[in-house]
PDB file of N, CA and C in Angstrom:
ATOM      1  N   MET A   1     212.245 117.727  78.654  1.00  0.00           N
ATOM      2  CA  MET A   1     210.879 117.443  79.053  1.00  0.00           C
ATOM      3  C   MET A   1     210.047 118.671  78.704  1.00  0.00           C
ATOM      4  N   GLY A   2     209.129 119.035  79.521  1.00  0.00           N
ATOM      5  CA  GLY A   2     208.341 120.218  79.284  1.00  0.00           C
ATOM      6  C   GLY A   2     207.279 120.070  78.218  1.00  0.00           C
ATOM      7  N   GLU A   3     207.413 119.088  77.331  1.00  0.00           N
ATOM      8  CA  GLU A   3     206.377 118.885  76.339  1.00  0.00           C
ATOM      9  C   GLU A   3     205.176 118.240  77.008  1.00  0.00           C
ATOM     10  N   ARG A   4     204.021 118.608  76.534  1.00  0.00           N
ATOM     11  CA  ARG A   4     202.841 118.006  77.143  1.00  0.00           C
ATOM     12  C   ARG A   4     202.447 116.739  76.397  1.00  0.00           C
ATOM     13  N   ILE A   5     201.717 115.920  77.079  1.00  0.00           N
ATOM     14  CA  ILE A   5     201.193 114.691  76.488  1.00  0.00           C
ATOM     15  C   ILE A   5     199.757 114.981  76.086  1.00  0.00           C
ATOM     16  N   ASP A   6     199.480 114.848  74.806  1.00  0.00           N
ATOM     17  CA  ASP A   6     198.121 115.040  74.309  1.00  0.00           C
ATOM     18  C   ASP A   6     197.444 113.680  74.203  1.00  0.00           C
ATOM     19  N   VAL A   7     196.204 113.625  74.610  1.00  0.00           N
ATOM     20  CA  VAL A   7     195.427 112.392  74.592  1.00  0.00           C
ATOM     21  C   VAL A   7     194.106 112.672  73.883  1.00  0.00           C
ATOM     22  N   ALA A   8     193.750 111.785  72.968  1.00  0.00           N
ATOM     23  CA  ALA A   8     192.490 111.960  72.238  1.00  0.00           C
ATOM     24  C   ALA A   8     191.860 110.596  71.952  1.00  0.00           C
ATOM     25  N   SER A   9     190.553 110.587  71.880  1.00  0.00           N
ATOM     26  CA  SER A   9     189.840 109.374  71.498  1.00  0.00           C
ATOM     27  C   SER A   9     189.631 109.400  69.988  1.00  0.00           C
ATOM     28  N   LEU A  10     189.493 108.210  69.420  1.00  0.00           N
ATOM     29  CA  LEU A  10     189.189 108.132  67.999  1.00  0.00           C
ATOM     30  C   LEU A  10     188.501 106.815  67.690  1.00  0.00           C
ATOM     31  N   VAL A  11     187.820 106.794  66.565  1.00  0.00           N
ATOM     32  CA  VAL A  11     187.235 105.568  66.042  1.00  0.00           C
ATOM     33  C   VAL A  11     187.926 105.321  64.709  1.00  0.00           C
ATOM     34  N   SER A  12     188.500 104.151  64.558  1.00  0.00           N
ATOM     35  CA  SER A  12     189.230 103.812  63.349  1.00  0.00           C
ATOM     36  C   SER A  12     188.302 103.807  62.148  1.00  0.00           C
ATOM     37  N   GLY A  13     188.718 104.482  61.082  1.00  0.00           N
ATOM     38  CA  GLY A  13     187.954 104.451  59.847  1.00  0.00           C
ATOM     39  C   GLY A  13     188.083 103.105  59.152  1.00  0.00           C
ATOM     40  N   ARG A  14     189.142 102.388  59.481  1.00  0.00           N
ATOM     41  CA  ARG A  14     189.401 101.099  58.853  1.00  0.00           C
ATOM     42  C   ARG A  14     188.530  99.998  59.438  1.00  0.00           C
ATOM     43  N   ASN A  15     188.517  99.902  60.783  1.00  0.00           N
ATOM     44  CA  ASN A  15     187.779  98.791  61.407  1.00  0.00           C
ATOM     45  C   ASN A  15     186.685  99.257  62.381  1.00  0.00           C
ATOM     46  N   ARG A  16     186.492 100.568  62.510  1.00  0.00           N
ATOM     47  CA  ARG A  16     185.459 101.168  63.372  1.00  0.00           C
ATOM     48  C   ARG A  16     185.599 100.793  64.849  1.00  0.00           C
ATOM     49  N   GLU A  17     186.816 100.445  65.234  1.00  0.00           N
ATOM     50  CA  GLU A  17     187.106 100.121  66.632  1.00  0.00           C
ATOM     51  C   GLU A  17     187.546 101.385  67.364  1.00  0.00           C
ATOM     52  N   PRO A  18     187.294 101.438  68.688  1.00  0.00           N
ATOM     53  CA  PRO A  18     187.723 102.614  69.467  1.00  0.00           C
ATOM     54  C   PRO A  18     189.213 102.523  69.808  1.00  0.00           C
ATOM     55  N   TYR A  19     189.869 103.671  69.808  1.00  0.00           N
ATOM     56  CA  TYR A  19     191.278 103.759  70.186  1.00  0.00           C
ATOM     57  C   TYR A  19     191.512 105.045  70.961  1.00  0.00           C
ATOM     58  N   VAL A  20     192.612 105.075  71.665  1.00  0.00           N
ATOM     59  CA  VAL A  20     193.079 106.274  72.344  1.00  0.00           C
ATOM     60  C   VAL A  20     194.437 106.606  71.742  1.00  0.00           C
ATOM     61  N   THR A  21     194.591 107.838  71.317  1.00  0.00           N
ATOM     62  CA  THR A  21     195.860 108.269  70.735  1.00  0.00           C
ATOM     63  C   THR A  21     196.607 109.114  71.757  1.00  0.00           C
ATOM     64  N   LEU A  22     197.876 108.790  71.949  1.00  0.00           N
ATOM     65  CA  LEU A  22     198.765 109.567  72.809  1.00  0.00           C
ATOM     66  C   LEU A  22     199.822 110.213  71.925  1.00  0.00           C
ATOM     67  N   ARG A  23     200.077 111.490  72.153  1.00  0.00           N
ATOM     68  CA  ARG A  23     201.146 112.188  71.437  1.00  0.00           C
ATOM     69  C   ARG A  23     201.999 112.916  72.454  1.00  0.00           C
ATOM     70  N   TRP A  24     203.307 112.730  72.307  1.00  0.00           N
ATOM     71  CA  TRP A  24     204.265 113.416  73.155  1.00  0.00           C
ATOM     72  C   TRP A  24     205.432 113.808  72.274  1.00  0.00           C
ATOM     73  N   GLY A  25     205.471 115.087  71.944  1.00  0.00           N
ATOM     74  CA  GLY A  25     206.494 115.527  70.998  1.00  0.00           C
ATOM     75  C   GLY A  25     206.263 114.866  69.657  1.00  0.00           C
ATOM     76  N   LYS A  26     207.292 114.222  69.141  1.00  0.00           N
ATOM     77  CA  LYS A  26     207.184 113.544  67.847  1.00  0.00           C
ATOM     78  C   LYS A  26     206.703 112.102  67.983  1.00  0.00           C
ATOM     79  N   GLN A  27     206.544 111.632  69.201  1.00  0.00           N
ATOM     80  CA  GLN A  27     206.096 110.257  69.452  1.00  0.00           C
ATOM     81  C   GLN A  27     204.582 110.173  69.401  1.00  0.00           C
ATOM     82  N   LYS A  28     204.077 109.054  68.904  1.00  0.00           N
ATOM     83  CA  LYS A  28     202.634 108.841  68.821  1.00  0.00           C
ATOM     84  C   LYS A  28     202.352 107.366  69.076  1.00  0.00           C
ATOM     85  N   ALA A  29     201.278 107.090  69.800  1.00  0.00           N
ATOM     86  CA  ALA A  29     200.870 105.709  70.053  1.00  0.00           C
ATOM     87  C   ALA A  29     199.353 105.622  69.999  1.00  0.00           C
ATOM     88  N   GLN A  30     198.867 104.514  69.501  1.00  0.00           N
ATOM     89  CA  GLN A  30     197.439 104.234  69.544  1.00  0.00           C
ATOM     90  C   GLN A  30     197.233 103.018  70.428  1.00  0.00           C
ATOM     91  N   LEU A  31     196.350 103.172  71.403  1.00  0.00           N
ATOM     92  CA  LEU A  31     196.073 102.109  72.356  1.00  0.00           C
ATOM     93  C   LEU A  31     194.601 101.735  72.292  1.00  0.00           C
ATOM     94  N   THR A  32     194.316 100.490  72.607  1.00  0.00           N
ATOM     95  CA  THR A  32     192.921 100.121  72.791  1.00  0.00           C
ATOM     96  C   THR A  32     192.456 100.760  74.097  1.00  0.00           C
ATOM     97  N   PRO A  33     191.167 100.885  74.306  1.00  0.00           N
ATOM     98  CA  PRO A  33     190.704 101.426  75.587  1.00  0.00           C
ATOM     99  C   PRO A  33     191.239 100.636  76.789  1.00  0.00           C
ATOM    100  N   ALA A  34     191.313  99.307  76.678  1.00  0.00           N
ATOM    101  CA  ALA A  34     191.834  98.503  77.786  1.00  0.00           C
ATOM    102  C   ALA A  34     193.304  98.813  78.043  1.00  0.00           C
ATOM    103  N   GLU A  35     194.093  98.949  76.979  1.00  0.00           N
ATOM    104  CA  GLU A  35     195.508  99.299  77.145  1.00  0.00           C
ATOM    105  C   GLU A  35     195.655 100.684  77.760  1.00  0.00           C
ATOM    106  N   ALA A  36     194.832 101.629  77.313  1.00  0.00           N
ATOM    107  CA  ALA A  36     194.889 102.994  77.856  1.00  0.00           C
ATOM    108  C   ALA A  36     194.548 102.998  79.338  1.00  0.00           C
ATOM    109  N   ARG A  37     193.522 102.243  79.718  1.00  0.00           N
ATOM    110  CA  ARG A  37     193.148 102.161  81.138  1.00  0.00           C
ATOM    111  C   ARG A  37     194.274 101.543  81.956  1.00  0.00           C
ATOM    112  N   ARG A  38     194.907 100.496  81.425  1.00  0.00           N
ATOM    113  CA  ARG A  38     196.004  99.850  82.143  1.00  0.00           C
ATOM    114  C   ARG A  38     197.155 100.835  82.373  1.00  0.00           C
ATOM    115  N   HIS A  39     197.516 101.599  81.325  1.00  0.00           N
ATOM    116  CA  HIS A  39     198.591 102.584  81.475  1.00  0.00           C
ATOM    117  C   HIS A  39     198.199 103.693  82.448  1.00  0.00           C
ATOM    118  N   ALA A  40     196.951 104.135  82.379  1.00  0.00           N
ATOM    119  CA  ALA A  40     196.482 105.172  83.305  1.00  0.00           C
ATOM    120  C   ALA A  40     196.556 104.676  84.742  1.00  0.00           C
ATOM    121  N   HIS A  41     196.184 103.439  84.956  1.00  0.00           N
ATOM    122  CA  HIS A  41     196.241 102.860  86.305  1.00  0.00           C
ATOM    123  C   HIS A  41     197.689 102.807  86.803  1.00  0.00           C
ATOM    124  N   ILE A  42     198.599 102.424  85.938  1.00  0.00           N
ATOM    125  CA  ILE A  42     200.017 102.371  86.309  1.00  0.00           C
ATOM    126  C   ILE A  42     200.528 103.764  86.675  1.00  0.00           C
ATOM    127  N   ILE A  43     200.127 104.766  85.903  1.00  0.00           N
ATOM    128  CA  ILE A  43     200.548 106.147  86.190  1.00  0.00           C
ATOM    129  C   ILE A  43     200.001 106.606  87.535  1.00  0.00           C
ATOM    130  N   LEU A  44     198.728 106.305  87.818  1.00  0.00           N
ATOM    131  CA  LEU A  44     198.141 106.682  89.110  1.00  0.00           C
ATOM    132  C   LEU A  44     198.861 105.990  90.263  1.00  0.00           C
ATOM    133  N   GLU A  45     199.178 104.712  90.100  1.00  0.00           N
ATOM    134  CA  GLU A  45     199.912 103.994  91.145  1.00  0.00           C
ATOM    135  C   GLU A  45     201.297 104.599  91.362  1.00  0.00           C
ATOM    136  N   ALA A  46     201.974 104.978  90.277  1.00  0.00           N
ATOM    137  CA  ALA A  46     203.303 105.589  90.399  1.00  0.00           C
ATOM    138  C   ALA A  46     203.222 106.944  91.093  1.00  0.00           C
ATOM    139  N   ALA A  47     202.166 107.713  90.816  1.00  0.00           N
ATOM    140  CA  ALA A  47     201.991 109.005  91.479  1.00  0.00           C
ATOM    141  C   ALA A  47     201.799 108.812  92.978  1.00  0.00           C
ATOM    142  N   ASP A  48     200.965 107.842  93.363  1.00  0.00           N
ATOM    143  CA  ASP A  48     200.770 107.546  94.784  1.00  0.00           C
ATOM    144  C   ASP A  48     202.059 107.058  95.430  1.00  0.00           C
ATOM    145  N   ALA A  49     202.800 106.215  94.721  1.00  0.00           N
ATOM    146  CA  ALA A  49     204.070 105.705  95.255  1.00  0.00           C
ATOM    147  C   ALA A  49     205.079 106.833  95.452  1.00  0.00           C
ATOM    148  N   ALA A  50     205.125 107.768  94.517  1.00  0.00           N
ATOM    149  CA  ALA A  50     206.061 108.890  94.642  1.00  0.00           C
ATOM    150  C   ALA A  50     205.755 109.714  95.892  1.00  0.00           C
ATOM    151  N   ILE A  51     204.475 109.935  96.166  1.00  0.00           N
ATOM    152  CA  ILE A  51     204.084 110.702  97.354  1.00  0.00           C
ATOM    153  C   ILE A  51     204.461 109.949  98.627  1.00  0.00           C
ATOM    154  N   SER A  52     204.171 108.649  98.676  1.00  0.00           N
ATOM    155  CA  SER A  52     204.507 107.895  99.891  1.00  0.00           C
ATOM    156  C   SER A  52     206.013 107.755 100.060  1.00  0.00           C
ATOM    157  N   ASP A  53     206.752 107.604  98.962  1.00  0.00           N
ATOM    158  CA  ASP A  53     208.220 107.547  99.048  1.00  0.00           C
ATOM    159  C   ASP A  53     208.783 108.857  99.597  1.00  0.00           C
ATOM    160  N   ALA A  54     208.259 109.978  99.097  1.00  0.00           N
ATOM    161  CA  ALA A  54     208.732 111.285  99.565  1.00  0.00           C
ATOM    162  C   ALA A  54     208.404 111.478 101.046  1.00  0.00           C
ATOM    163  N   PHE A  55     207.219 111.025 101.461  1.00  0.00           N
ATOM    164  CA  PHE A  55     206.867 111.114 102.877  1.00  0.00           C
ATOM    165  C   PHE A  55     207.845 110.307 103.715  1.00  0.00           C
ATOM    166  N   LEU A  56     208.142 109.080 103.291  1.00  0.00           N
ATOM    167  CA  LEU A  56     209.046 108.226 104.051  1.00  0.00           C
ATOM    168  C   LEU A  56     210.427 108.868 104.191  1.00  0.00           C
ATOM    169  N   VAL A  57     210.961 109.395 103.113  1.00  0.00           N
ATOM    170  CA  VAL A  57     212.273 110.045 103.163  1.00  0.00           C
ATOM    171  C   VAL A  57     212.232 111.240 104.106  1.00  0.00           C
ATOM    172  N   SER A  58     211.189 112.057 103.992  1.00  0.00           N
ATOM    173  CA  SER A  58     211.049 113.227 104.858  1.00  0.00           C
ATOM    174  C   SER A  58     210.923 112.804 106.319  1.00  0.00           C
ATOM    175  N   TRP A  59     210.098 111.803 106.595  1.00  0.00           N
ATOM    176  CA  TRP A  59     209.884 111.332 107.958  1.00  0.00           C
ATOM    177  C   TRP A  59     211.167 110.766 108.555  1.00  0.00           C
ATOM    178  N   LEU A  60     211.891 109.981 107.776  1.00  0.00           N
ATOM    179  CA  LEU A  60     213.144 109.404 108.277  1.00  0.00           C
ATOM    180  C   LEU A  60     214.176 110.479 108.598  1.00  0.00           C
ATOM    181  N   THR A  61     214.268 111.480 107.757  1.00  0.00           N
ATOM    182  CA  THR A  61     215.290 112.507 107.973  1.00  0.00           C
ATOM    183  C   THR A  61     214.874 113.536 109.018  1.00  0.00           C
ATOM    184  N   GLU A  62     213.612 113.976 108.973  1.00  0.00           N
ATOM    185  CA  GLU A  62     213.178 115.038 109.876  1.00  0.00           C
ATOM    186  C   GLU A  62     212.745 114.531 111.245  1.00  0.00           C
ATOM    187  N   ARG A  63     212.057 113.404 111.299  1.00  0.00           N
ATOM    188  CA  ARG A  63     211.557 112.893 112.581  1.00  0.00           C
ATOM    189  C   ARG A  63     212.555 111.990 113.287  1.00  0.00           C
ATOM    190  N   LEU A  64     213.219 111.137 112.521  1.00  0.00           N
ATOM    191  CA  LEU A  64     214.149 110.187 113.138  1.00  0.00           C
ATOM    192  C   LEU A  64     215.596 110.637 113.067  1.00  0.00           C
ATOM    193  N   GLY A  65     215.842 111.673 112.287  1.00  0.00           N
ATOM    194  CA  GLY A  65     217.198 112.186 112.184  1.00  0.00           C
ATOM    195  C   GLY A  65     218.142 111.299 111.390  1.00  0.00           C
ATOM    196  N   ALA A  66     217.602 110.443 110.535  1.00  0.00           N
ATOM    197  CA  ALA A  66     218.462 109.616 109.678  1.00  0.00           C
ATOM    198  C   ALA A  66     219.255 110.556 108.794  1.00  0.00           C
ATOM    199  N   ASP A  67     220.575 110.456 108.877  1.00  0.00           N
ATOM    200  CA  ASP A  67     221.381 111.444 108.183  1.00  0.00           C
ATOM    201  C   ASP A  67     222.234 110.881 107.062  1.00  0.00           C
ATOM    202  N   GLY A  68     222.250 109.596 106.887  1.00  0.00           N
ATOM    203  CA  GLY A  68     223.068 109.036 105.825  1.00  0.00           C
ATOM    204  C   GLY A  68     222.231 108.557 104.662  1.00  0.00           C
ATOM    205  N   PRO A  69     222.696 108.819 103.446  1.00  0.00           N
ATOM    206  CA  PRO A  69     221.944 108.352 102.285  1.00  0.00           C
ATOM    207  C   PRO A  69     221.835 106.821 102.244  1.00  0.00           C
ATOM    208  N   GLU A  70     222.777 106.129 102.895  1.00  0.00           N
ATOM    209  CA  GLU A  70     222.719 104.667 102.919  1.00  0.00           C
ATOM    210  C   GLU A  70     221.506 104.201 103.723  1.00  0.00           C
ATOM    211  N   VAL A  71     221.280 104.812 104.872  1.00  0.00           N
ATOM    212  CA  VAL A  71     220.164 104.420 105.737  1.00  0.00           C
ATOM    213  C   VAL A  71     218.840 104.741 105.066  1.00  0.00           C
ATOM    214  N   VAL A  72     218.697 105.957 104.584  1.00  0.00           N
ATOM    215  CA  VAL A  72     217.458 106.379 103.938  1.00  0.00           C
ATOM    216  C   VAL A  72     217.239 105.571 102.661  1.00  0.00           C
ATOM    217  N   GLY A  73     218.295 105.380 101.892  1.00  0.00           N
ATOM    218  CA  GLY A  73     218.188 104.614 100.652  1.00  0.00           C
ATOM    219  C   GLY A  73     217.780 103.173 100.912  1.00  0.00           C
ATOM    220  N   GLN A  74     218.346 102.558 101.950  1.00  0.00           N
ATOM    221  CA  GLN A  74     217.997 101.179 102.271  1.00  0.00           C
ATOM    222  C   GLN A  74     216.557 101.078 102.754  1.00  0.00           C
ATOM    223  N   ALA A  75     216.134 102.029 103.584  1.00  0.00           N
ATOM    224  CA  ALA A  75     214.748 102.026 104.059  1.00  0.00           C
ATOM    225  C   ALA A  75     213.788 102.192 102.885  1.00  0.00           C
ATOM    226  N   LEU A  76     214.114 103.095 101.968  1.00  0.00           N
ATOM    227  CA  LEU A  76     213.262 103.316 100.801  1.00  0.00           C
ATOM    228  C   LEU A  76     213.224 102.064  99.925  1.00  0.00           C
ATOM    229  N   SER A  77     214.350 101.423  99.757  1.00  0.00           N
ATOM    230  CA  SER A  77     214.405 100.183  98.975  1.00  0.00           C
ATOM    231  C   SER A  77     213.563  99.090  99.630  1.00  0.00           C
ATOM    232  N   ASP A  78     213.662  98.959 100.950  1.00  0.00           N
ATOM    233  CA  ASP A  78     212.868  97.964 101.672  1.00  0.00           C
ATOM    234  C   ASP A  78     211.368  98.275 101.549  1.00  0.00           C
ATOM    235  N   PHE A  79     211.022  99.552 101.667  1.00  0.00           N
ATOM    236  CA  PHE A  79     209.629  99.968 101.571  1.00  0.00           C
ATOM    237  C   PHE A  79     209.069  99.658 100.183  1.00  0.00           C
ATOM    238  N   ARG A  80     209.862  99.955  99.151  1.00  0.00           N
ATOM    239  CA  ARG A  80     209.418  99.662  97.784  1.00  0.00           C
ATOM    240  C   ARG A  80     209.274  98.155  97.567  1.00  0.00           C
ATOM    241  N   GLY A  81     210.189  97.383  98.138  1.00  0.00           N
ATOM    242  CA  GLY A  81     210.089  95.928  98.048  1.00  0.00           C
ATOM    243  C   GLY A  81     208.828  95.414  98.714  1.00  0.00           C
ATOM    244  N   TYR A  82     208.511  95.989  99.857  1.00  0.00           N
ATOM    245  CA  TYR A  82     207.281  95.620 100.566  1.00  0.00           C
ATOM    246  C   TYR A  82     206.059  95.938  99.718  1.00  0.00           C
ATOM    247  N   ARG A  83     206.071  97.121  99.093  1.00  0.00           N
ATOM    248  CA  ARG A  83     204.940  97.542  98.263  1.00  0.00           C
ATOM    249  C   ARG A  83     204.768  96.586  97.073  1.00  0.00           C
ATOM    250  N   VAL A  84     205.856  96.207  96.434  1.00  0.00           N
ATOM    251  CA  VAL A  84     205.788  95.268  95.309  1.00  0.00           C
ATOM    252  C   VAL A  84     205.249  93.917  95.772  1.00  0.00           C
ATOM    253  N   ALA A  85     205.733  93.440  96.923  1.00  0.00           N
ATOM    254  CA  ALA A  85     205.262  92.156  97.451  1.00  0.00           C
ATOM    255  C   ALA A  85     203.769  92.206  97.744  1.00  0.00           C
ATOM    256  N   GLN A  86     203.288  93.335  98.269  1.00  0.00           N
ATOM    257  CA  GLN A  86     201.858  93.484  98.545  1.00  0.00           C
ATOM    258  C   GLN A  86     201.052  93.458  97.249  1.00  0.00           C
ATOM    259  N   GLU A  87     201.554  94.150  96.233  1.00  0.00           N
ATOM    260  CA  GLU A  87     200.856  94.174  94.946  1.00  0.00           C
ATOM    261  C   GLU A  87     200.803  92.775  94.342  1.00  0.00           C
ATOM    262  N   GLU A  88     201.896  92.044  94.438  1.00  0.00           N
ATOM    263  CA  GLU A  88     201.924  90.677  93.907  1.00  0.00           C
ATOM    264  C   GLU A  88     200.981  89.784  94.706  1.00  0.00           C
ATOM    265  N   ARG A  89     200.975  89.934  96.013  1.00  0.00           N
ATOM    266  CA  ARG A  89     200.076  89.140  96.859  1.00  0.00           C
ATOM    267  C   ARG A  89     198.630  89.459  96.532  1.00  0.00           C
ATOM    268  N   ASP A  90     198.322  90.744  96.367  1.00  0.00           N
ATOM    269  CA  ASP A  90     196.948  91.141  96.046  1.00  0.00           C
ATOM    270  C   ASP A  90     196.502  90.565  94.706  1.00  0.00           C
ATOM    271  N   SER A  91     197.383  90.545  93.698  1.00  0.00           N
ATOM    272  CA  SER A  91     196.988  89.998  92.403  1.00  0.00           C
ATOM    273  C   SER A  91     196.778  88.500  92.495  1.00  0.00           C
ATOM    274  N   VAL A  92     197.545  87.804  93.328  1.00  0.00           N
ATOM    275  CA  VAL A  92     197.361  86.370  93.524  1.00  0.00           C
ATOM    276  C   VAL A  92     196.029  86.109  94.197  1.00  0.00           C
ATOM    277  N   VAL A  93     195.708  86.911  95.220  1.00  0.00           N
ATOM    278  CA  VAL A  93     194.430  86.763  95.930  1.00  0.00           C
ATOM    279  C   VAL A  93     193.276  87.061  94.969  1.00  0.00           C
ATOM    280  N   ALA A  94     193.390  88.132  94.186  1.00  0.00           N
ATOM    281  CA  ALA A  94     192.329  88.490  93.241  1.00  0.00           C
ATOM    282  C   ALA A  94     192.136  87.384  92.215  1.00  0.00           C
ATOM    283  N   GLU A  95     193.229  86.811  91.730  1.00  0.00           N
ATOM    284  CA  GLU A  95     193.130  85.742  90.746  1.00  0.00           C
ATOM    285  C   GLU A  95     192.475  84.512  91.359  1.00  0.00           C
ATOM    286  N   ALA A  96     192.841  84.188  92.585  1.00  0.00           N
ATOM    287  CA  ALA A  96     192.250  83.034  93.271  1.00  0.00           C
ATOM    288  C   ALA A  96     190.754  83.240  93.499  1.00  0.00           C
ATOM    289  N   ASP A  97     190.359  84.483  93.722  1.00  0.00           N
ATOM    290  CA  ASP A  97     188.937  84.786  93.953  1.00  0.00           C
ATOM    291  C   ASP A  97     188.168  84.966  92.650  1.00  0.00           C
ATOM    292  N   GLY A  98     188.886  84.880  91.526  1.00  0.00           N
ATOM    293  CA  GLY A  98     188.235  85.064  90.237  1.00  0.00           C
ATOM    294  C   GLY A  98     188.069  86.504  89.835  1.00  0.00           C
ATOM    295  N   HIS A  99     188.785  87.424  90.497  1.00  0.00           N
ATOM    296  CA  HIS A  99     188.713  88.848  90.178  1.00  0.00           C
ATOM    297  C   HIS A  99     190.033  89.293  89.563  1.00  0.00           C
ATOM    298  N   VAL A 100     190.354  88.784  88.412  1.00  0.00           N
ATOM    299  CA  VAL A 100     191.609  89.118  87.756  1.00  0.00           C
ATOM    300  C   VAL A 100     191.519  90.526  87.213  1.00  0.00           C
ATOM    301  N   ARG A 101     192.580  91.305  87.443  1.00  0.00           N
ATOM    302  CA  ARG A 101     192.607  92.688  86.960  1.00  0.00           C
ATOM    303  C   ARG A 101     192.911  92.736  85.501  1.00  0.00           C
TER     304      ARG A 101
END
């Protein structure tokens, strides 16, 4: 790891459409602005999830004294399942209301 991800905007000389270029090491990708926004949103959600997951593990071990990886692992799995179910429910509600993401 340790390599940074470079991000740049560009306008295609071929079709004059906007794109976002991502470079990470030898890898390169060109995304439409909508694709770039979707990936950015996913990254932000994962960052928030990582923080809440770490809080849950810390709270279970330090406050409740959960000492087995099975207990903490199962609680974390249940919590993640709940989060996924909420996200799916929210997208269904948004779609029903005509606010599709």
